[in-house]
N, C-alpha and C. Protein backbone atom coordinates (compact mmCIF):
# COMPACT_ATOMS: atom_id res chain seq x y z
N ILE A 1 78.94 125.07 128.22
CA ILE A 1 77.64 125.64 128.63
C ILE A 1 76.56 124.61 128.30
N GLY A 2 75.82 124.79 127.21
CA GLY A 2 74.81 123.81 126.82
C GLY A 2 75.40 122.81 125.83
N LEU A 3 76.67 123.04 125.49
CA LEU A 3 77.31 122.20 124.49
C LEU A 3 77.48 120.77 125.01
N THR A 4 77.79 120.64 126.29
CA THR A 4 77.98 119.30 126.86
C THR A 4 76.68 118.50 126.79
N ILE A 5 75.57 119.15 127.11
CA ILE A 5 74.27 118.48 127.06
C ILE A 5 73.96 118.09 125.62
N TYR A 6 74.27 118.97 124.69
CA TYR A 6 74.01 118.69 123.27
C TYR A 6 74.81 117.47 122.82
N GLN A 7 76.08 117.44 123.17
CA GLN A 7 76.93 116.31 122.78
C GLN A 7 76.44 115.02 123.42
N GLU A 8 75.98 115.10 124.66
CA GLU A 8 75.49 113.91 125.36
C GLU A 8 74.24 113.38 124.68
N ARG A 9 73.35 114.28 124.27
CA ARG A 9 72.12 113.89 123.58
C ARG A 9 72.46 113.23 122.25
N VAL A 10 73.41 113.81 121.53
CA VAL A 10 73.80 113.28 120.22
C VAL A 10 74.40 111.88 120.39
N THR A 11 75.23 111.72 121.41
CA THR A 11 75.86 110.41 121.65
C THR A 11 74.79 109.37 121.97
N GLU A 12 73.82 109.75 122.79
CA GLU A 12 72.74 108.83 123.17
C GLU A 12 71.93 108.44 121.94
N ALA A 13 71.60 109.42 121.10
CA ALA A 13 70.83 109.15 119.90
C ALA A 13 71.62 108.25 118.95
N GLU A 14 72.91 108.52 118.83
CA GLU A 14 73.76 107.72 117.94
C GLU A 14 73.82 106.29 118.42
N THR A 15 73.92 106.10 119.75
CA THR A 15 73.97 104.75 120.31
C THR A 15 72.67 104.01 120.01
N MET A 16 71.53 104.69 120.14
CA MET A 16 70.24 104.07 119.87
C MET A 16 70.14 103.69 118.40
N VAL A 17 70.64 104.53 117.51
CA VAL A 17 70.61 104.24 116.08
C VAL A 17 71.47 103.01 115.78
N LEU A 18 72.65 102.96 116.38
CA LEU A 18 73.53 101.81 116.16
C LEU A 18 72.89 100.53 116.66
N LYS A 19 72.23 100.59 117.83
CA LYS A 19 71.55 99.41 118.38
C LYS A 19 70.42 98.99 117.44
N ALA A 20 69.71 99.96 116.89
CA ALA A 20 68.59 99.67 115.99
C ALA A 20 69.10 99.01 114.71
N LEU A 21 70.27 99.45 114.24
CA LEU A 21 70.81 98.89 113.00
C LEU A 21 71.38 97.49 113.23
N ASN A 22 71.79 97.20 114.45
CA ASN A 22 72.39 95.89 114.73
C ASN A 22 71.35 94.78 114.75
N PHE A 23 70.10 95.15 115.02
CA PHE A 23 69.07 94.15 115.29
C PHE A 23 69.65 92.78 115.16
């Protein structure tokens, strides 16, 4: 239901965090 959207948002946020940490 809305779970897929939630997981997609979390994955996107996690990717951004990882990119930020890699600087």
